[in-house]
Protein backbone atom coordinates (compact mmCIF):
# COMPACT_ATOMS: atom_id res chain seq x y z
CA MET A 1 0.10 -0.30 -0.07
CA ASP A 2 1.32 3.37 -0.73
CA ASN A 3 1.37 5.52 2.52
CA GLY A 4 3.18 8.51 0.30
CA GLU A 5 6.64 7.22 1.93
CA SER A 6 9.34 7.46 -0.20
CA ASN A 7 10.92 3.72 -0.57
CA PRO A 8 14.68 4.52 1.15
CA SER A 9 15.36 1.23 -0.73
CA ASN A 10 14.97 2.85 -4.41
CA PRO A 11 16.31 6.51 -4.37
CA SER A 12 15.64 7.07 -7.91
CA ALA A 13 12.02 6.18 -7.97
CA SER A 14 11.28 9.01 -5.87
CA SER A 15 13.26 11.45 -7.61
CA ALA A 16 11.84 10.38 -11.69
CA GLY A 17 8.88 11.70 -11.90
CA THR A 18 10.08 14.84 -9.81
CA ASP A 19 13.34 15.87 -11.00
CA SER A 20 12.26 16.41 -14.78
CA SER A 21 15.91 18.59 -15.63
CA VAL A 22 17.42 15.64 -15.30
CA SER A 23 19.58 14.71 -17.94
CA HIS A 24 20.35 11.45 -19.73
CA PRO A 25 22.52 10.43 -21.98
CA PRO A 26 21.84 9.52 -25.23
CA SER A 27 20.99 5.78 -25.22
CA VAL A 28 21.90 2.96 -27.90
CA HIS A 29 18.26 2.77 -28.36
CA ASP A 30 17.87 6.14 -30.28
CA ASP A 31 20.12 4.62 -32.53
CA THR A 32 18.01 1.92 -32.86
CA ALA A 33 15.09 4.21 -33.05
CA ASP A 34 16.50 5.74 -35.76
CA GLU A 35 17.69 3.04 -37.21
CA SER A 36 14.55 1.43 -37.30
CA THR A 37 12.81 5.05 -38.87
CA ARG A 38 15.32 5.04 -41.68
CA ALA A 39 13.93 1.06 -42.58
CA VAL A 40 10.45 1.44 -42.49
CA VAL A 41 10.90 4.46 -44.84
CA GLN A 42 12.70 2.72 -47.53
CA ARG A 43 10.11 0.01 -47.38
CA ARG A 44 7.74 2.54 -47.79
CA LEU A 45 9.55 4.11 -50.71
CA GLU A 46 10.93 0.61 -52.06
CA ALA A 47 6.89 -0.08 -52.00
CA LEU A 48 6.16 3.17 -53.75
CA ILE A 49 8.36 2.17 -56.79
CA ARG A 50 7.13 -1.29 -56.77
CA GLU A 51 3.89 -0.85 -57.50
CA ASN A 52 4.36 2.15 -59.65
CA ARG A 53 7.55 0.38 -62.28
CA PHE A 54 5.70 0.31 -65.36
CA THR A 55 4.39 3.89 -65.19
CA ILE A 56 8.23 4.92 -64.08
CA ALA A 57 9.89 2.88 -66.44
CA VAL A 58 7.96 2.72 -69.64
CA VAL A 59 5.16 5.31 -69.47
CA PHE A 60 6.71 8.45 -68.14
CA PRO A 61 9.99 7.78 -71.34
CA VAL A 62 7.70 7.10 -74.02
CA ILE A 63 5.34 10.21 -73.34
CA GLY A 64 8.77 12.33 -72.41
CA ALA A 65 9.98 10.91 -76.33
CA VAL A 66 6.50 12.33 -77.84
CA THR A 67 6.66 15.90 -75.79
CA LEU A 68 9.60 16.25 -77.08
CA VAL A 69 9.64 15.29 -80.33
CA ALA A 70 6.54 17.26 -80.84
CA SER A 71 8.16 20.40 -79.26
CA ALA A 72 11.18 20.09 -81.52
CA GLU A 73 8.96 20.17 -84.39
CA GLY A 74 6.57 22.76 -83.11
CA LEU A 75 3.71 20.58 -82.56
CA LEU A 76 2.71 21.81 -79.13
CA PRO A 77 1.71 25.40 -77.98
CA PRO A 78 4.24 27.61 -76.04
CA LEU A 79 3.45 26.56 -72.70
CA LEU A 80 3.56 23.01 -73.22
CA SER A 81 6.95 23.13 -75.60
CA TYR A 82 10.07 22.57 -73.69
CA ASN A 83 8.18 23.41 -70.81
CA PRO A 84 11.05 22.97 -68.16
CA LEU A 85 8.82 22.22 -65.29
CA LEU A 86 7.84 19.40 -67.28
CA ILE A 87 11.39 17.91 -68.20
CA LEU A 88 12.61 18.25 -64.68
CA PHE A 89 9.86 16.80 -63.23
CA GLY A 90 9.45 14.32 -65.63
CA THR A 91 13.57 13.32 -64.88
CA LEU A 92 13.18 12.98 -61.57
CA VAL A 93 10.17 10.51 -61.67
CA MET A 94 12.35 8.53 -63.60
CA ARG A 95 15.56 8.56 -61.60
CA SER A 96 13.54 7.43 -58.32
CA PRO A 97 14.06 4.34 -58.75
CA LEU A 98 18.10 4.84 -59.23
CA VAL A 99 17.94 7.24 -55.80
CA VAL A 100 15.50 4.38 -54.17
CA ALA A 101 17.46 0.92 -54.82
CA LEU A 102 20.61 3.31 -53.75
CA LEU A 103 19.64 4.86 -50.33
CA PRO A 104 20.54 1.93 -48.42
CA GLU A 105 24.67 2.68 -49.57
CA LEU A 106 24.95 6.22 -49.16
CA ASP A 107 27.04 6.37 -45.71
CA ARG A 108 29.28 8.95 -44.63
CA ARG A 109 32.15 7.19 -46.98
CA ALA A 110 30.37 7.96 -49.92
CA LEU A 111 29.60 11.55 -49.17
CA VAL A 112 33.34 13.04 -50.07
CA PRO A 113 33.68 11.76 -53.73
CA LEU A 114 29.95 12.31 -54.44
CA VAL A 115 30.31 15.78 -53.34
CA ILE A 116 33.82 15.80 -55.77
CA LEU A 117 31.71 14.30 -58.03
CA THR A 118 28.97 17.17 -58.21
CA THR A 119 31.54 20.03 -58.11
CA TYR A 120 33.11 18.38 -61.34
CA THR A 121 30.29 17.97 -62.87
CA TYR A 122 29.37 21.57 -63.15
CA ALA A 123 33.14 22.85 -63.13
CA ILE A 124 33.80 20.56 -66.53
CA GLU A 125 30.54 21.69 -68.79
CA LEU A 126 31.34 25.26 -67.34
CA VAL A 127 34.86 24.65 -68.99
CA GLY A 128 33.08 22.70 -71.65
CA VAL A 129 30.73 26.03 -73.03
CA GLN A 130 33.20 28.24 -72.51
CA THR A 131 35.89 27.78 -73.83
CA GLY A 132 35.12 24.32 -76.10
CA TRP A 133 37.36 21.74 -74.33
CA PRO A 134 36.92 18.69 -73.87
CA TYR A 135 33.79 18.21 -75.91
CA GLY A 136 34.01 20.67 -78.73
CA THR A 137 32.50 23.83 -79.22
CA PHE A 138 27.90 23.67 -78.34
CA GLU A 139 25.92 25.63 -76.63
CA TYR A 140 22.16 24.73 -75.06
CA GLY A 141 19.52 25.32 -77.28
CA ILE A 142 16.98 25.77 -74.55
CA SER A 143 16.62 26.05 -71.08
CA LEU A 144 16.76 22.48 -68.83
CA GLY A 145 15.18 24.52 -65.90
CA PRO A 146 16.80 26.99 -64.27
CA MET A 147 20.60 27.85 -65.88
CA LEU A 148 23.66 28.82 -63.53
CA GLY A 149 25.11 31.88 -64.51
CA GLY A 150 23.36 32.12 -67.53
CA GLU A 151 25.00 29.55 -69.24
CA ILE A 152 24.68 25.24 -67.81
CA PRO A 153 21.32 23.83 -66.33
CA LEU A 154 21.95 24.23 -62.47
CA ALA A 155 19.97 20.86 -62.05
CA LEU A 156 23.39 19.24 -63.92
CA PRO A 157 24.02 16.78 -61.73
CA LEU A 158 20.76 15.37 -62.09
CA PHE A 159 21.00 14.64 -65.73
CA PHE A 160 24.86 13.59 -65.58
CA VAL A 161 25.51 11.56 -62.52
CA PRO A 162 23.05 8.88 -62.64
CA LEU A 163 24.20 8.65 -66.21
CA VAL A 164 27.66 7.13 -64.78
CA LEU A 165 26.21 5.23 -61.98
CA ASN A 166 23.42 3.07 -64.26
CA GLY A 167 26.50 2.32 -66.41
CA TYR A 168 28.39 1.64 -63.14
CA LEU A 169 25.54 -1.23 -61.33
CA LEU A 170 25.36 -2.50 -65.08
CA THR A 171 28.91 -3.54 -65.24
CA LEU A 172 28.65 -4.77 -61.60
CA LEU A 173 25.47 -7.18 -62.60
CA ALA A 174 26.85 -7.68 -66.37
CA LEU A 175 30.58 -8.46 -65.42
CA GLY A 176 30.00 -10.96 -62.36
CA ASP A 177 32.46 -12.04 -60.55
CA ARG A 178 34.77 -10.43 -62.56
CA ALA A 179 33.72 -7.23 -61.31
CA THR A 180 35.64 -7.76 -58.17
CA GLN A 181 39.04 -6.87 -60.36
CA ILE A 182 39.79 -3.19 -60.69
CA VAL A 183 40.87 -3.21 -64.07
CA PRO A 184 38.20 -4.88 -66.32
CA ARG A 185 35.62 -3.21 -63.87
CA VAL A 186 36.08 0.67 -64.20
CA LEU A 187 36.98 -0.36 -68.11
CA ALA A 188 34.00 -1.93 -68.41
CA ALA A 189 32.02 0.81 -66.80
CA VAL A 190 33.72 3.76 -68.50
CA ALA A 191 33.19 1.87 -72.20
CA ALA A 192 28.93 1.46 -70.48
CA VAL A 193 29.24 5.10 -69.95
CA LEU A 194 30.74 6.12 -73.04
CA ALA A 195 27.79 4.17 -75.02
CA ILE A 196 25.11 5.83 -73.09
CA ASP A 197 26.44 9.08 -74.86
CA LEU A 198 26.23 7.48 -78.13
CA VAL A 199 22.40 6.89 -77.84
CA LEU A 200 22.06 10.52 -75.75
CA ASP A 201 23.72 13.29 -77.58
CA PRO A 202 22.20 12.40 -81.22
CA ALA A 203 19.23 12.51 -80.02
CA ALA A 204 19.38 15.65 -77.67
CA VAL A 205 21.15 17.59 -80.76
CA ALA A 206 18.00 16.73 -83.06
CA ILE A 207 15.47 17.96 -80.24
CA GLY A 208 17.53 20.73 -80.23
CA PHE A 209 19.01 20.40 -76.78
CA TRP A 210 21.91 21.49 -77.48
CA SER A 211 23.65 21.94 -80.60
CA TYR A 212 28.15 21.90 -81.70
CA VAL A 213 29.60 24.39 -84.06
CA PRO A 214 30.70 23.19 -86.30
CA PRO A 215 28.24 19.97 -86.53
CA GLY A 216 30.44 16.55 -85.66
CA GLY A 217 29.60 13.32 -88.74
CA TYR A 218 27.78 11.57 -86.03
CA TYR A 219 24.44 12.71 -86.19
CA GLY A 220 25.70 15.92 -85.77
CA VAL A 221 28.00 15.35 -83.00
CA PRO A 222 31.76 15.77 -83.18
CA ALA A 223 34.44 12.93 -82.39
CA SER A 224 35.97 15.70 -80.02
CA ASN A 225 32.74 15.17 -77.62
CA TYR A 226 33.42 11.51 -77.33
CA TRP A 227 37.32 11.91 -76.55
CA GLY A 228 35.76 14.57 -73.90
CA TRP A 229 33.41 11.95 -72.47
CA LEU A 230 35.88 9.65 -71.92
CA LEU A 231 37.90 12.20 -69.79
CA SER A 232 34.44 13.08 -67.78
CA GLY A 233 33.20 9.06 -67.71
CA ALA A 234 36.27 7.92 -66.49
CA ILE A 235 37.50 10.32 -63.99
CA ALA A 236 32.91 10.32 -62.58
CA VAL A 237 33.73 6.29 -62.38
CA VAL A 238 36.77 6.40 -60.51
CA LEU A 239 34.91 8.61 -57.96
CA VAL A 240 31.59 6.36 -58.21
CA ASP A 241 34.17 3.62 -57.79
CA ILE A 242 35.42 4.89 -54.76
CA ALA A 243 32.24 6.27 -53.29
CA PHE A 244 30.69 3.08 -52.02
CA ASP A 245 30.98 -0.74 -50.74
CA ARG A 246 31.65 -2.23 -54.23
CA ALA A 247 30.58 -5.95 -52.74
CA ALA A 248 27.38 -4.23 -50.77
CA VAL A 249 26.61 -1.92 -53.87
CA ARG A 250 26.91 -5.25 -55.85
CA GLU A 251 24.63 -7.25 -54.08
CA ARG A 252 21.64 -4.73 -53.54
CA VAL A 253 21.70 -4.19 -57.79
CA ARG A 254 21.52 -8.19 -57.80
CA THR A 255 18.83 -8.59 -55.14
CA CYS A 256 16.70 -5.25 -55.86
CA GLU A 257 14.91 -5.97 -59.27
CA PHE A 258 14.25 -1.91 -59.85
CA ALA A 259 17.66 -1.06 -59.26
CA LEU A 260 18.41 -0.87 -63.15
CA ASP A 261 14.69 0.75 -64.55
CA ASP A 262 15.78 4.48 -64.58
CA LEU A 263 18.54 2.34 -67.47
CA VAL A 264 15.50 1.26 -68.65
CA SER A 265 13.83 4.20 -69.04
CA PHE A 266 16.86 6.05 -70.15
CA VAL A 267 17.02 3.57 -73.01
CA LEU A 268 13.50 4.05 -73.96
CA LEU A 269 13.30 7.63 -74.43
CA TRP A 270 16.48 8.37 -76.32
CA GLY A 271 16.45 4.95 -78.23
CA THR A 272 12.56 6.00 -79.47
CA ILE A 273 13.53 9.70 -80.18
CA ASN A 274 16.60 8.45 -82.38
CA ALA A 275 14.10 6.08 -84.27
CA LEU A 276 12.04 8.78 -84.74
CA TYR A 277 14.61 10.68 -86.41
CA GLY A 278 15.54 7.73 -88.67
CA GLN A 279 19.57 7.53 -86.42
CA TRP A 280 19.61 4.30 -86.85
CA LEU A 281 23.14 3.29 -85.24
CA ALA A 282 22.23 5.23 -82.52
CA ALA A 283 18.82 3.54 -82.04
CA ALA A 284 20.73 0.11 -82.76
CA VAL A 285 23.10 1.47 -79.96
CA ALA A 286 20.01 1.80 -77.51
CA GLY A 287 19.30 -2.09 -78.66
CA LEU A 288 22.30 -3.33 -77.45
CA PHE A 289 21.83 -1.99 -73.57
CA CYS A 290 18.44 -3.63 -73.93
CA LEU A 291 19.69 -6.94 -75.38
CA VAL A 292 22.21 -6.15 -72.11
CA LEU A 293 19.39 -6.19 -69.90
CA PHE A 294 17.52 -8.41 -71.14
CA ARG A 295 20.61 -10.99 -69.91
CA THR A 296 20.51 -9.90 -66.23
CA GLY A 297 17.50 -12.09 -66.07
CA ARG A 298 15.45 -9.51 -64.75
CA TYR A 299 13.39 -8.10 -68.18
CA ASP A 300 12.19 -9.92 -70.96
CA LEU A 301 10.31 -9.07 -73.87
CA SER A 302 7.31 -9.04 -72.26
CA ILE A 303 8.19 -6.19 -70.38
CA ARG A 304 5.08 -5.28 -68.90
CA ALA A 305 4.12 -8.53 -67.11
CA VAL A 306 7.91 -7.78 -65.75
CA VAL A 307 7.23 -4.28 -64.20
CA HIS A 308 3.71 -3.95 -64.03
CA PRO A 309 2.64 -3.78 -60.33
CA GLY A 310 0.80 -6.90 -60.60
CA GLY A 311 3.40 -9.34 -62.60
CA ARG A 312 6.19 -10.65 -61.96
CA ASN A 313 9.71 -9.62 -61.16
C-alpha cells in the first residue's frame, strides 16, 4: 500500500517523477530508433516504386519522347513546348528507382566522393561551354530548368551523375565475378558510359537541347565530344567506385529488381527519339543496352508483365 513515503531502498524512484531536469546520456535505443525509422521509410519508398514500375519505367519515357519530338517540331503550344518544369519533373520521376535502390548504400564514406563528383560535373561543363574543351564547341538551345550563370543547367548533376551510376551498376551486374577486379570493372563501366552518350547526344542534338559548332559527323556530334566523355566519364566512374562499398552495391543491384529501371527509361526515351529521327546507329546502340538488360534475367520481351505492379519481378 502506498502511504506517500519514499522507498529508502530505491531513492531513484522518488526522484524520477519529480526532477524532469535530470539529463540522460544518449541511449543505444535512440540509434536503434533512427535505424528503424530509416528502414520503415526505405520500405515505403520501395513499395511505392514497385507499385508504379510500369508507369515510371515505360509510360513516362514514352510520353517524354513524344512530347520532346513534338516540341522540336513545333506541334505543341508555347506553354507546353520544352516546358522546363515538365522536363525536370519527368527526369526526377524516372530517376526515382535508381535513387531508392541506392539509398541504403549512401553513408559518410560516399559523401566526399559524391560531392567532388557534383562539383566536377559543374566545373567541366562550364569549362566546356566557355572554351570548347574537352567536348568541342557547343551551346544549349533551350533552358533545362534554371541556368547557372545563364550558361549551364542548375540541375546538371541530375542529368549526368545517374548516367554514370547506371553504367556502373549495369557493369557490376553484367560482369559477374569479374566485377571484383578493378581493371575490368572500371574499363567496362567507362565503356558503358561512352555507349550511353552514343545514344544520348545524337537524340539531344536532334530535338535542339544543344548543338555543336561546327556539327560533327555522328548525327551532328563531333568526335571531340567522345574524347571529352572519355575523360569526364573515367573520372566520374573512379569517383563512384571510391564512393561505394562495391560488394554491397553489387549485392544490392543483384537483389533489387528495380535498380536498373532508370536505365530502361533512358533506353526507351532516347532510343525512341533516335528512331523517330532515323538515327539508326544510335538507336541500335540503345538496342544493345536492351539486350544486355535482358541478359541480366530481370527483364524480358514481355516487359509489361515484368514491371507492372501485378506482374512477376
